[in-house]
Amino acid sequence: MYELDDDKICNDKYWVTLTENTHIKSSGEAAKILKQLESDGVLPKMQNHEWARLCIAFCFAKTKNIKDWEQKPSMDGGLEIASFNTCFNQNGKKGEEKFWLAYISQRMFDEVPERKFTKKHLFAYIQLAWHNGAKLLEGRYRKALDYCDGNIVEAKKIFFDELAGLAAQHREGGSDGAALAVSGSLHSSNPVSDGIDLKSSPAANREMGEKIVAALQGIGKGVKVITFLGQGVRYDSYLIQFIDYADWDKLYDRFCSAMGIPKDSSIVRTEQYAGLPHAHEIKILRHENTWHKLEKTDFESALKQYRGDFLIPCCIGADENGKAVFADLYEAPHILVGGTTRMGKSVLVSSIMKSLFELNRQDSFEAAIFDPAANYSVFKTAPNLWQGEIHGERSRFLSLLENLVDEMNERLALLREHDAEKIQHLPEEYRPKLLIILLEELAALLDTDKNAEKPIIQMLQEGAKTGIHMILVTQEPNSQTFSSKLLANLPSRIALRVVKPGSSRMILGEGGAEYLTSKGDHLVKWNGSAARFLHGYNV
């Protein structure tokens, strides 16, 4: 409790005495943290009182008592707020400052119940909470940044989700004071709160954001929030939170019409935004001369940074933030890659193969490459080529594929002999190498020799358990060439741009590839997962 003179009582007049003729100051470090978070776009431009409330609320939400706090921060270079009421009466709500005073006081009293506190103690406590909350917020952001390998856009999402989660505790009932305080602080400080938050965005993105809002409102869809999330490899990303439920599939055509964008194009991409109700991330394609190029050096750097634990790791592209995406060929276990000629298909497959050669021990696998178009001659000197060469004569492919089936059957016999389900279960001394088969121009092979389908299907059906994995590459497939049995045994699909929606459905099992750009963009469905949009490296 507070220390009172004998003739004083703790009434409204005393509360006024506690808060009058005071100013609040942050530590110098809290000021620097705010500047850095604003610079990274993690927080919008904030007033000192908004920053103070957010820090104090977060400190109370994330710590049990003052023993968890840093005790003697430097106050040099700190931010200043003119009065207690200026700091804690947000948005002019009557009585708001009294809630904060009661809440902070009770928290302070609970630290040392038997102690009597003074006005000086109160403001020292507020300053410490401000400092420690800022440190905690910075720490949470840095942790998210490390988790996302330095990707600011992804780190911001994690950071905002945590803040929104605390606020949600209040909205869902049963909140504690800290959650309530964070909820109030988020109203002005969190970019994913009510309002149009485009002031700190580049002029072009501010203009585009306003255009998006106008288009949505023009078709009768109210926007609660719009935030510019950042610039990706080829797209600019905007977070849109609608006032109520939005079925984007039904909105898409009208939105494109309102924006003056052809509906059957790659200009707009959308996906649901996790962590917020009625929210979507809208991505708008920039002009080609502003695209970030993913060059060979970027690819090589990404491979060096791989730290996963996949059995057969490979790189299947980069996401919109430029972060390399890795997958496990063991889980695939076979892949169909399709797309119209000159859409970047061979370059993408080359990058996948290069990652297999780089990320896996050379003595752990062999690569059987069937390449009639000489697209993969870069691998001709690889020491672990099956039969020591790249095979380019299509007329020999059937007999070579049958040889591979013989190899598979020998491995199956080995599994039966050792009562093992897959080669990974064999004793190491009996375990054969993995065999990765790359077969280019599949449609042309099947058109030339329909008998080639039989050994391919045999290996698709039983090869994975014996350590045989196939990567089949083709231009736009059709139902006359590709049987349903063949497609049914290819659980992983990669589609580059195609001309016809039917070709996209043949490759992916769904439409979408007809809307891709022609520069290596692709959709990936890994072992039946949902389609994921990625970019290719120019290797």
Protein backbone atom coordinates (compact mmCIF):
# COMPACT_ATOMS: atom_id res chain seq x y z
CA MET A 1 0.00 0.00 0.00
CA TYR A 2 0.98 3.64 -0.18
CA GLU A 3 2.51 5.50 2.74
CA LEU A 4 -0.10 8.04 3.96
CA ASP A 5 0.08 10.90 6.41
CA ASP A 6 -2.09 10.43 9.48
CA ASP A 7 -4.82 12.72 8.19
CA LYS A 8 -4.88 11.35 4.62
CA ILE A 9 -6.98 8.62 3.10
CA CYS A 10 -6.43 6.86 -0.23
CA ASN A 11 -9.30 8.53 -2.12
CA ASP A 12 -9.63 10.24 -5.50
CA LYS A 13 -7.81 13.31 -4.22
CA TYR A 14 -4.86 11.21 -3.16
CA TRP A 15 -4.73 9.56 -6.59
CA VAL A 16 -4.47 13.01 -8.12
CA THR A 17 -1.61 13.81 -5.74
CA LEU A 18 0.21 10.67 -6.83
CA THR A 19 0.11 11.55 -10.52
CA GLU A 20 0.37 15.35 -10.64
CA ASN A 21 3.52 17.36 -11.42
CA THR A 22 5.39 14.35 -12.76
CA HIS A 23 7.00 13.25 -15.96
CA ILE A 24 7.98 9.78 -17.04
CA LYS A 25 11.29 8.93 -18.69
CA SER A 26 12.50 5.78 -20.39
CA SER A 27 15.97 4.31 -20.43
CA GLY A 28 18.27 5.21 -23.32
CA GLU A 29 18.13 1.58 -24.42
CA ALA A 30 14.33 1.60 -24.67
CA ALA A 31 14.59 4.64 -26.95
CA LYS A 32 17.11 2.85 -29.20
CA ILE A 33 15.00 -0.31 -29.34
CA LEU A 34 11.95 1.67 -30.51
CA LYS A 35 14.02 3.34 -33.22
CA GLN A 36 15.32 -0.01 -34.45
CA LEU A 37 11.91 -1.71 -34.47
CA GLU A 38 10.43 1.24 -36.38
CA SER A 39 13.35 1.16 -38.82
CA ASP A 40 12.80 -2.55 -39.52
CA GLY A 41 9.10 -1.90 -40.05
CA VAL A 42 8.24 -4.14 -37.11
CA LEU A 43 6.30 -1.30 -35.46
CA PRO A 44 4.70 1.76 -37.05
CA LYS A 45 5.81 5.24 -36.05
CA MET A 46 4.82 5.47 -32.39
CA GLN A 47 4.32 8.27 -29.90
CA ASN A 48 6.34 7.99 -26.70
CA HIS A 49 3.22 7.27 -24.62
CA GLU A 50 2.13 4.49 -27.01
CA TRP A 51 5.57 2.85 -26.77
CA ALA A 52 5.56 3.16 -22.96
CA ARG A 53 2.16 1.49 -22.59
CA LEU A 54 3.07 -1.37 -24.90
CA CYS A 55 6.37 -2.01 -23.10
CA ILE A 56 4.87 -1.87 -19.61
CA ALA A 57 1.98 -4.11 -20.57
CA PHE A 58 4.29 -6.64 -22.21
CA CYS A 59 6.65 -6.60 -19.22
CA PHE A 60 3.79 -7.37 -16.84
CA ALA A 61 2.44 -10.08 -19.14
CA LYS A 62 5.78 -11.86 -19.49
CA THR A 63 7.39 -11.55 -16.03
CA LYS A 64 6.25 -12.68 -12.60
CA ASN A 65 7.95 -10.01 -10.49
CA ILE A 66 10.68 -7.40 -10.33
CA LYS A 67 13.29 -10.08 -9.56
CA ASP A 68 13.17 -10.94 -13.28
CA TRP A 69 14.01 -7.37 -14.30
CA GLU A 70 17.23 -5.56 -15.09
CA GLN A 71 17.48 -3.11 -12.20
CA LYS A 72 19.75 -0.18 -13.10
CA PRO A 73 19.41 0.85 -16.75
CA SER A 74 21.07 4.01 -18.00
CA MET A 75 18.61 6.86 -18.44
CA ASP A 76 20.83 8.86 -20.78
CA GLY A 77 19.11 9.59 -24.07
CA GLY A 78 15.75 8.32 -22.88
CA LEU A 79 12.31 9.32 -24.10
CA GLU A 80 10.15 11.63 -22.00
CA ILE A 81 6.41 11.91 -21.41
CA ALA A 82 4.99 15.08 -19.87
CA SER A 83 2.67 13.49 -17.32
CA PHE A 84 1.11 10.30 -16.02
CA ASN A 85 -2.22 11.20 -17.62
CA THR A 86 -0.59 11.82 -21.01
CA CYS A 87 1.01 8.40 -20.85
CA PHE A 88 -1.94 6.35 -19.69
CA ASN A 89 -5.12 8.08 -20.87
CA GLN A 90 -5.09 6.62 -24.38
CA ASN A 91 -7.59 7.91 -26.93
CA GLY A 92 -9.07 10.28 -24.34
CA LYS A 93 -11.12 7.55 -22.61
CA LYS A 94 -12.38 8.81 -19.29
CA GLY A 95 -10.93 6.93 -16.36
CA GLU A 96 -8.34 5.05 -18.42
CA GLU A 97 -5.48 6.52 -16.40
CA LYS A 98 -7.14 5.32 -13.17
CA PHE A 99 -7.22 1.75 -14.44
CA TRP A 100 -3.51 1.91 -15.21
CA LEU A 101 -2.68 3.51 -11.86
CA ALA A 102 -4.65 0.86 -9.99
CA TYR A 103 -3.17 -1.95 -12.05
CA ILE A 104 0.45 -0.78 -11.75
CA SER A 105 0.02 -0.02 -8.05
CA GLN A 106 -1.41 -3.45 -7.26
CA ARG A 107 1.41 -5.12 -9.17
CA MET A 108 3.94 -3.07 -7.19
CA PHE A 109 2.23 -3.83 -3.86
CA ASP A 110 2.34 -7.56 -4.61
CA GLU A 111 6.13 -7.37 -5.00
CA VAL A 112 6.65 -6.59 -1.28
CA PRO A 113 3.29 -6.78 0.56
CA GLU A 114 4.61 -5.52 3.87
CA ARG A 115 6.23 -2.39 2.41
CA LYS A 116 4.70 1.08 2.21
CA PHE A 117 5.36 2.77 -1.12
CA THR A 118 5.67 6.41 -2.10
CA LYS A 119 5.16 8.43 -5.27
CA LYS A 120 8.90 8.13 -5.94
CA HIS A 121 8.68 4.34 -5.77
CA LEU A 122 5.75 4.35 -8.21
CA PHE A 123 7.55 6.27 -10.94
CA ALA A 124 10.80 4.36 -10.51
CA TYR A 125 8.75 1.16 -10.90
CA ILE A 126 7.11 2.50 -14.08
CA GLN A 127 10.48 3.41 -15.56
CA LEU A 128 11.89 -0.04 -14.82
CA ALA A 129 8.83 -1.73 -16.35
CA TRP A 130 9.17 0.41 -19.47
CA HIS A 131 12.83 -0.50 -19.85
CA ASN A 132 12.38 -4.21 -19.23
CA GLY A 133 9.33 -4.45 -21.49
CA ALA A 134 11.33 -2.87 -24.31
CA LYS A 135 14.13 -5.38 -23.75
CA LEU A 136 11.65 -8.27 -23.79
CA LEU A 137 10.00 -7.04 -26.99
CA GLU A 138 13.38 -6.69 -28.67
CA GLY A 139 14.36 -10.17 -27.48
CA ARG A 140 11.15 -11.70 -28.85
CA TYR A 141 11.69 -10.02 -32.21
CA ARG A 142 15.35 -11.08 -32.39
CA LYS A 143 14.37 -14.65 -31.56
CA ALA A 144 11.76 -14.60 -34.35
CA LEU A 145 14.35 -13.12 -36.71
CA ASP A 146 16.83 -15.90 -35.91
CA TYR A 147 14.13 -18.52 -36.38
CA CYS A 148 13.29 -17.03 -39.80
CA ASP A 149 16.98 -16.83 -40.85
CA GLY A 150 16.92 -13.03 -40.89
CA ASN A 151 13.69 -12.70 -42.88
CA ILE A 152 12.04 -9.57 -41.48
CA VAL A 153 8.60 -10.16 -43.05
CA GLU A 154 8.28 -13.65 -41.53
CA ALA A 155 9.70 -12.49 -38.19
CA LYS A 156 7.13 -9.68 -38.06
CA LYS A 157 4.32 -12.21 -38.49
CA ILE A 158 5.54 -14.28 -35.53
CA PHE A 159 6.05 -11.15 -33.42
CA PHE A 160 2.58 -9.77 -34.19
CA ASP A 161 0.93 -13.14 -33.57
CA GLU A 162 2.33 -13.21 -30.04
CA LEU A 163 1.07 -9.71 -29.28
CA ALA A 164 -2.32 -10.46 -30.83
CA GLY A 165 -2.50 -13.67 -28.80
CA LEU A 166 -2.11 -11.75 -25.55
CA ALA A 167 -4.77 -9.27 -26.63
CA ALA A 168 -7.07 -12.16 -27.54
CA GLN A 169 -6.92 -13.38 -23.92
CA HIS A 170 -8.79 -10.21 -23.03
CA ARG A 171 -11.26 -10.39 -25.91
CA GLU A 172 -12.13 -14.01 -25.15
CA GLY A 173 -12.88 -13.28 -21.49
CA GLY A 174 -11.11 -14.52 -18.42
CA SER A 175 -8.19 -12.16 -19.02
CA ASP A 176 -5.72 -10.93 -16.47
CA GLY A 177 -4.65 -7.33 -16.16
CA ALA A 178 -1.60 -7.79 -18.35
CA ALA A 179 -3.63 -9.18 -21.23
CA LEU A 180 -6.10 -6.32 -20.87
CA ALA A 181 -3.26 -3.81 -20.90
CA VAL A 182 -1.68 -5.37 -23.97
CA SER A 183 -5.08 -5.37 -25.68
CA GLY A 184 -5.40 -1.65 -25.11
CA SER A 185 -1.81 -0.97 -26.16
CA LEU A 186 -2.22 -2.94 -29.36
CA HIS A 187 -5.02 -0.62 -30.40
CA SER A 188 -2.48 2.00 -31.39
CA SER A 189 0.83 0.21 -31.60
CA ASN A 190 0.26 -3.06 -33.45
CA PRO A 191 0.23 -2.84 -37.25
CA VAL A 192 -2.40 -5.58 -37.32
CA SER A 193 -4.99 -3.55 -35.44
CA ASP A 194 -7.88 -1.42 -36.63
CA GLY A 195 -6.96 1.10 -39.28
CA ILE A 196 -5.19 1.89 -42.49
CA ASP A 197 -1.50 1.64 -41.67
CA LEU A 198 0.32 2.86 -44.76
CA LYS A 199 1.93 6.10 -43.59
CA SER A 200 5.38 4.58 -43.14
CA SER A 201 5.21 2.63 -46.42
CA PRO A 202 7.07 3.71 -49.58
CA ALA A 203 4.98 6.08 -51.72
CA ALA A 204 4.28 3.48 -54.42
CA ASN A 205 3.09 0.93 -51.86
CA ARG A 206 1.00 3.51 -50.04
CA GLU A 207 -0.69 4.36 -53.33
CA MET A 208 -1.25 0.69 -54.16
CA GLY A 209 -2.62 -0.01 -50.69
CA GLU A 210 -5.11 2.80 -51.02
CA LYS A 211 -6.09 1.47 -54.44
CA ILE A 212 -6.69 -2.01 -52.97
CA VAL A 213 -8.91 -0.58 -50.22
CA ALA A 214 -10.88 1.51 -52.72
CA ALA A 215 -11.37 -1.52 -54.98
CA LEU A 216 -12.60 -3.72 -52.13
CA GLN A 217 -14.91 -1.06 -50.77
CA GLY A 218 -16.17 -0.44 -54.29
CA ILE A 219 -17.40 -4.04 -54.51
CA GLY A 220 -19.02 -3.79 -51.10
CA LYS A 221 -16.34 -5.45 -48.95
CA GLY A 222 -15.37 -3.48 -45.86
CA VAL A 223 -11.71 -3.39 -44.84
CA LYS A 224 -10.82 -3.29 -41.16
CA VAL A 225 -7.03 -3.32 -41.58
CA ILE A 226 -4.52 -2.91 -44.37
CA THR A 227 -0.79 -3.10 -43.72
CA PHE A 228 2.10 -3.21 -46.18
CA LEU A 229 4.08 -6.28 -45.12
CA GLY A 230 7.06 -5.82 -47.39
CA GLN A 231 8.65 -6.38 -50.75
CA GLY A 232 9.31 -9.95 -51.82
CA VAL A 233 11.21 -11.47 -54.72
CA ARG A 234 8.60 -10.42 -57.29
CA TYR A 235 5.53 -9.48 -55.32
CA ASP A 236 4.63 -6.78 -52.80
CA SER A 237 2.62 -8.16 -49.89
CA TYR A 238 -0.31 -6.49 -48.14
CA LEU A 239 -2.18 -7.78 -45.11
CA ILE A 240 -5.93 -7.26 -45.49
CA GLN A 241 -8.28 -7.92 -42.61
CA PHE A 242 -11.93 -7.75 -43.61
CA ILE A 243 -14.67 -6.61 -41.28
CA ASP A 244 -16.37 -9.97 -41.63
CA TYR A 245 -16.01 -13.31 -43.43
CA ALA A 246 -14.71 -13.10 -46.99
CA ASP A 247 -14.80 -15.88 -49.58
CA TRP A 248 -11.86 -14.77 -51.69
CA ASP A 249 -12.61 -17.17 -54.52
CA LYS A 250 -15.93 -15.41 -55.02
CA LEU A 251 -14.41 -11.94 -54.63
CA TYR A 252 -11.47 -12.50 -56.98
CA ASP A 253 -13.08 -11.72 -60.35
CA ARG A 254 -14.81 -8.57 -59.10
CA PHE A 255 -11.65 -7.42 -57.29
CA CYS A 256 -9.55 -7.80 -60.46
CA SER A 257 -12.18 -5.90 -62.44
CA ALA A 258 -12.18 -3.07 -59.88
CA MET A 259 -8.37 -2.95 -59.95
CA GLY A 260 -8.23 -3.01 -63.76
CA ILE A 261 -6.26 -6.27 -63.71
CA PRO A 262 -6.90 -9.19 -66.08
CA LYS A 263 -8.45 -11.93 -63.95
CA ASP A 264 -6.60 -14.72 -65.74
CA SER A 265 -3.12 -13.47 -64.92
CA SER A 266 -0.26 -13.82 -62.47
CA ILE A 267 -0.54 -10.23 -61.21
CA VAL A 268 -2.50 -11.05 -58.04
CA ARG A 269 -1.86 -13.94 -55.66
CA THR A 270 -3.60 -14.45 -52.34
CA GLU A 271 -3.43 -16.74 -49.34
CA GLN A 272 -5.15 -16.84 -45.98
CA TYR A 273 -3.24 -15.06 -43.22
CA ALA A 274 -2.81 -17.18 -40.10
CA GLY A 275 -3.44 -15.70 -36.67
CA LEU A 276 -6.12 -13.13 -37.52
CA PRO A 277 -9.82 -13.57 -38.29
CA HIS A 278 -11.03 -12.76 -41.82
CA ALA A 279 -7.48 -11.94 -42.94
CA HIS A 280 -5.72 -12.53 -46.24
CA GLU A 281 -2.31 -11.71 -47.63
CA ILE A 282 -2.66 -10.12 -51.06
CA LYS A 283 0.43 -10.15 -53.25
CA ILE A 284 0.73 -7.78 -56.21
CA LEU A 285 3.28 -8.50 -58.95
CA ARG A 286 5.79 -5.69 -59.53
CA HIS A 287 7.27 -4.65 -62.85
CA GLU A 288 9.91 -7.10 -64.04
CA ASN A 289 12.74 -4.58 -63.80
CA THR A 290 12.21 -4.43 -60.01
CA TRP A 291 12.33 -8.18 -59.40
CA HIS A 292 15.02 -9.53 -57.09
CA LYS A 293 17.06 -12.05 -59.03
CA LEU A 294 17.89 -15.36 -57.40
CA GLU A 295 21.26 -16.08 -58.92
CA LYS A 296 23.75 -18.93 -58.69
CA THR A 297 25.58 -17.27 -55.78
CA ASP A 298 22.30 -17.08 -53.81
CA PHE A 299 21.68 -20.76 -54.50
CA GLU A 300 25.17 -21.81 -53.44
CA SER A 301 24.89 -19.74 -50.27
CA ALA A 302 21.52 -21.36 -49.47
CA LEU A 303 22.98 -24.85 -49.82
CA LYS A 304 25.82 -23.99 -47.44
CA GLN A 305 23.30 -22.82 -44.84
CA TYR A 306 21.21 -26.02 -44.92
CA ARG A 307 20.96 -27.47 -41.40
CA GLY A 308 18.06 -29.91 -41.76
CA ASP A 309 17.88 -33.62 -41.01
CA PHE A 310 16.18 -34.95 -44.15
CA LEU A 311 17.26 -38.38 -45.35
CA ILE A 312 17.62 -37.20 -48.97
CA PRO A 313 17.61 -33.39 -48.83
CA CYS A 314 17.12 -31.28 -51.93
CA CYS A 315 16.29 -27.65 -52.67
CA ILE A 316 13.01 -27.15 -54.54
CA GLY A 317 13.10 -23.34 -54.88
CA ALA A 318 12.76 -20.17 -52.82
CA ASP A 319 9.71 -18.61 -51.23
CA GLU A 320 8.50 -15.05 -51.87
CA ASN A 321 10.84 -13.78 -49.15
CA GLY A 322 13.85 -15.26 -50.96
CA LYS A 323 14.34 -18.02 -48.39
CA ALA A 324 15.44 -21.40 -49.78
CA VAL A 325 12.89 -24.20 -49.39
CA PHE A 326 14.22 -27.72 -48.80
CA ALA A 327 12.35 -31.00 -49.06
CA ASP A 328 13.07 -34.69 -48.54
CA LEU A 329 13.15 -36.81 -51.70
CA TYR A 330 12.72 -39.82 -49.44
CA GLU A 331 9.25 -38.52 -48.52
CA ALA A 332 8.36 -37.57 -52.11
CA PRO A 333 9.21 -40.38 -53.09
CA HIS A 334 8.84 -39.71 -56.86
CA ILE A 335 8.28 -36.38 -58.67
CA LEU A 336 6.57 -35.27 -61.85
CA VAL A 337 7.83 -31.93 -63.18
CA GLY A 338 5.89 -30.32 -66.02
CA GLY A 339 5.58 -27.05 -67.87
CA THR A 340 5.62 -25.43 -71.28
CA THR A 341 8.96 -25.14 -73.02
CA ARG A 342 11.10 -22.10 -72.12
CA MET A 343 9.35 -21.64 -68.79
CA GLY A 344 12.44 -22.52 -66.74
CA LYS A 345 11.76 -26.22 -66.29
CA SER A 346 15.27 -27.50 -67.09
CA VAL A 347 16.88 -24.81 -64.93
CA LEU A 348 14.66 -25.76 -62.00
CA VAL A 349 15.41 -29.48 -62.40
CA SER A 350 19.13 -28.67 -62.68
CA SER A 351 18.96 -26.83 -59.35
CA ILE A 352 17.19 -29.79 -57.71
CA MET A 353 19.82 -32.20 -59.05
CA LYS A 354 22.68 -29.91 -58.05
CA SER A 355 21.30 -29.71 -54.53
CA LEU A 356 21.12 -33.52 -54.40
CA PHE A 357 24.76 -33.76 -55.44
CA GLU A 358 25.81 -31.07 -52.93
CA LEU A 359 23.73 -32.03 -49.89
CA ASN A 360 24.17 -35.82 -50.01
CA ARG A 361 27.36 -37.87 -49.73
CA GLN A 362 28.63 -38.80 -53.17
CA ASP A 363 29.16 -42.40 -52.06
CA SER A 364 25.56 -42.69 -50.80
CA PHE A 365 23.78 -42.62 -54.17
CA GLU A 366 24.05 -42.99 -57.93
CA ALA A 367 22.26 -40.78 -60.48
CA ALA A 368 20.83 -42.32 -63.64
CA ILE A 369 20.23 -39.40 -66.03
CA PHE A 370 18.23 -39.86 -69.23
CA ASP A 371 18.71 -36.64 -71.20
CA PRO A 372 17.97 -36.70 -74.95
CA ALA A 373 17.97 -32.87 -75.13
CA ALA A 374 21.40 -32.48 -73.47
CA ASN A 375 19.96 -30.19 -70.79
CA TYR A 376 22.04 -31.67 -67.96
CA SER A 377 25.51 -31.98 -69.46
CA VAL A 378 26.82 -30.00 -66.49
CA PHE A 379 26.65 -33.28 -64.54
CA LYS A 380 28.57 -35.39 -67.06
CA THR A 381 31.73 -35.40 -64.92
CA ALA A 382 29.93 -36.37 -61.71
CA PRO A 383 31.74 -39.35 -60.16
CA ASN A 384 28.54 -41.17 -59.17
CA LEU A 385 26.69 -41.39 -62.49
CA TRP A 386 24.98 -44.70 -63.08
CA GLN A 387 27.04 -46.64 -65.66
CA GLY A 388 29.45 -43.68 -65.68
CA GLU A 389 27.57 -41.55 -68.23
CA ILE A 390 24.52 -39.48 -69.10
CA HIS A 391 22.23 -41.40 -71.45
CA GLY A 392 21.01 -39.42 -74.44
CA GLU A 393 19.84 -41.93 -77.08
CA ARG A 394 16.12 -42.33 -76.70
CA SER A 395 16.18 -45.57 -78.66
CA ARG A 396 18.16 -47.20 -75.81
CA PHE A 397 15.94 -45.94 -72.99
CA LEU A 398 13.58 -48.93 -72.86
CA SER A 399 16.36 -51.47 -72.42
CA LEU A 400 18.11 -49.26 -69.83
CA LEU A 401 14.88 -48.86 -67.88
CA GLU A 402 14.39 -52.63 -67.94
CA ASN A 403 17.94 -52.99 -66.54
CA LEU A 404 16.94 -50.69 -63.72
CA VAL A 405 13.87 -52.83 -63.03
CA ASP A 406 16.19 -55.85 -62.80
CA GLU A 407 18.26 -53.91 -60.26
CA MET A 408 15.08 -53.11 -58.31
CA ASN A 409 14.05 -56.78 -58.29
CA GLU A 410 17.47 -57.78 -56.90
CA ARG A 411 16.99 -55.26 -54.12
CA LEU A 412 13.50 -56.57 -53.38
CA ALA A 413 14.96 -60.07 -53.07
CA LEU A 414 17.55 -58.68 -50.65
CA LEU A 415 14.78 -57.16 -48.52
CA ARG A 416 12.93 -60.48 -48.39
CA GLU A 417 16.12 -62.30 -47.46
CA HIS A 418 16.66 -60.01 -44.46
CA ASP A 419 12.96 -59.64 -43.62
CA ALA A 420 13.24 -55.87 -44.06
CA GLU A 421 10.57 -53.46 -45.31
CA LYS A 422 12.98 -50.95 -46.89
CA ILE A 423 16.70 -50.66 -47.55
CA GLN A 424 17.21 -48.36 -44.56
CA HIS A 425 16.39 -51.40 -42.39
CA LEU A 426 19.11 -53.57 -43.97
CA PRO A 427 22.43 -54.15 -42.21
CA GLU A 428 24.83 -51.50 -43.46
CA GLU A 429 27.15 -54.02 -45.12
CA TYR A 430 24.28 -55.25 -47.32
CA ARG A 431 22.67 -51.91 -48.01
CA PRO A 432 22.85 -50.78 -51.67
CA LYS A 433 23.29 -47.16 -52.67
CA LEU A 434 20.32 -44.96 -53.33
CA LEU A 435 19.47 -44.64 -57.01
CA ILE A 436 18.00 -41.36 -58.28
CA ILE A 437 16.61 -41.56 -61.81
CA LEU A 438 16.11 -38.37 -63.82
CA LEU A 439 14.11 -38.96 -66.99
CA GLU A 440 13.72 -35.93 -69.29
CA GLU A 441 11.13 -35.57 -72.09
CA LEU A 442 8.85 -38.26 -70.69
CA ALA A 443 5.95 -37.45 -73.04
CA ALA A 444 8.18 -37.78 -76.09
CA LEU A 445 9.47 -41.16 -74.85
CA LEU A 446 5.96 -42.51 -74.27
CA ASP A 447 4.80 -41.24 -77.67
CA THR A 448 7.76 -42.98 -79.28
CA ASP A 449 7.61 -46.23 -77.31
CA LYS A 450 4.52 -46.91 -75.26
CA ASN A 451 6.23 -50.01 -73.81
CA ALA A 452 8.45 -47.69 -71.77
CA GLU A 453 5.53 -47.01 -69.45
CA LYS A 454 5.63 -50.53 -67.95
CA PRO A 455 9.13 -50.38 -66.34
CA ILE A 456 8.48 -46.80 -65.22
CA ILE A 457 5.28 -47.78 -63.41
CA GLN A 458 6.99 -50.80 -61.88
CA MET A 459 9.67 -48.59 -60.35
CA LEU A 460 7.12 -45.99 -59.24
CA GLN A 461 5.15 -48.68 -57.42
CA GLU A 462 7.96 -50.59 -55.70
CA GLY A 463 11.14 -48.60 -56.18
CA ALA A 464 10.97 -46.32 -53.14
CA LYS A 465 11.32 -49.16 -50.61
CA THR A 466 14.46 -50.30 -52.47
CA GLY A 467 16.02 -46.83 -52.49
CA ILE A 468 15.02 -45.94 -56.06
CA HIS A 469 13.50 -42.48 -56.60
CA MET A 470 12.33 -41.07 -59.93
CA ILE A 471 12.17 -37.48 -61.21
CA LEU A 472 10.10 -37.46 -64.40
CA VAL A 473 10.17 -34.31 -66.53
CA THR A 474 7.81 -33.43 -69.35
CA GLN A 475 6.24 -30.62 -71.31
CA GLU A 476 2.48 -30.17 -71.09
CA PRO A 477 1.05 -33.68 -70.62
CA ASN A 478 -2.21 -35.00 -72.03
CA SER A 479 -4.49 -37.91 -71.18
CA GLN A 480 -3.64 -39.74 -74.40
CA THR A 481 0.03 -40.02 -73.41
CA PHE A 482 -0.17 -40.17 -69.61
CA SER A 483 -2.28 -42.97 -68.20
CA SER A 484 -4.17 -42.60 -64.94
CA LYS A 485 -2.09 -45.45 -63.52
CA LEU A 486 1.13 -43.57 -64.22
CA LEU A 487 -0.15 -40.35 -62.63
CA ALA A 488 -1.60 -42.18 -59.61
CA ASN A 489 1.91 -43.32 -58.65
CA LEU A 490 3.41 -39.81 -58.69
CA PRO A 491 2.45 -38.24 -55.34
CA SER A 492 4.77 -35.23 -55.69
CA ARG A 493 4.19 -32.72 -58.47
CA ILE A 494 5.90 -29.53 -59.63
CA ALA A 495 4.23 -27.34 -62.27
CA LEU A 496 5.72 -24.40 -64.09
CA ARG A 497 3.63 -22.21 -66.37
CA VAL A 498 1.38 -24.03 -68.79
CA VAL A 499 -0.91 -22.71 -71.51
CA LYS A 500 -4.03 -24.73 -70.78
CA PRO A 501 -5.85 -25.18 -67.45
CA GLY A 502 -6.22 -28.87 -68.34
CA SER A 503 -2.42 -29.24 -68.40
CA SER A 504 -2.24 -27.77 -64.90
CA ARG A 505 -4.81 -30.31 -63.72
CA MET A 506 -2.81 -33.13 -65.32
CA ILE A 507 0.40 -32.08 -63.57
CA LEU A 508 -0.90 -30.82 -60.22
CA GLY A 509 -4.35 -32.33 -59.98
CA GLU A 510 -5.72 -28.76 -59.89
CA GLY A 511 -5.62 -25.50 -61.82
CA GLY A 512 -3.29 -22.58 -61.16
CA ALA A 513 -0.17 -23.25 -63.23
CA GLU A 514 -1.72 -21.40 -66.18
CA TYR A 515 -1.46 -18.17 -64.12
CA LEU A 516 2.24 -18.41 -63.28
CA THR A 517 4.84 -16.06 -64.75
CA SER A 518 7.24 -17.38 -67.35
CA LYS A 519 10.43 -16.93 -65.33
CA GLY A 520 10.82 -20.08 -63.24
CA ASP A 521 7.90 -19.60 -60.87
CA HIS A 522 6.33 -22.92 -59.96
CA LEU A 523 3.74 -24.64 -57.80
CA VAL A 524 4.81 -27.59 -55.66
CA LYS A 525 2.67 -30.34 -54.16
CA TRP A 526 5.02 -32.50 -52.11
CA ASN A 527 3.60 -35.96 -51.41
CA GLY A 528 0.04 -34.75 -51.74
CA SER A 529 0.39 -31.57 -49.67
CA ALA A 530 -1.35 -28.32 -50.58
CA ALA A 531 0.16 -26.46 -53.54
CA ARG A 532 2.92 -24.03 -52.58
CA PHE A 533 4.11 -21.13 -54.73
CA LEU A 534 7.90 -20.88 -55.14
CA HIS A 535 10.53 -19.21 -57.30
CA GLY A 536 13.37 -20.94 -59.12
CA TYR A 537 17.05 -20.13 -58.83
CA ASN A 538 18.88 -19.15 -62.01
CA VAL A 539 21.70 -21.69 -61.77
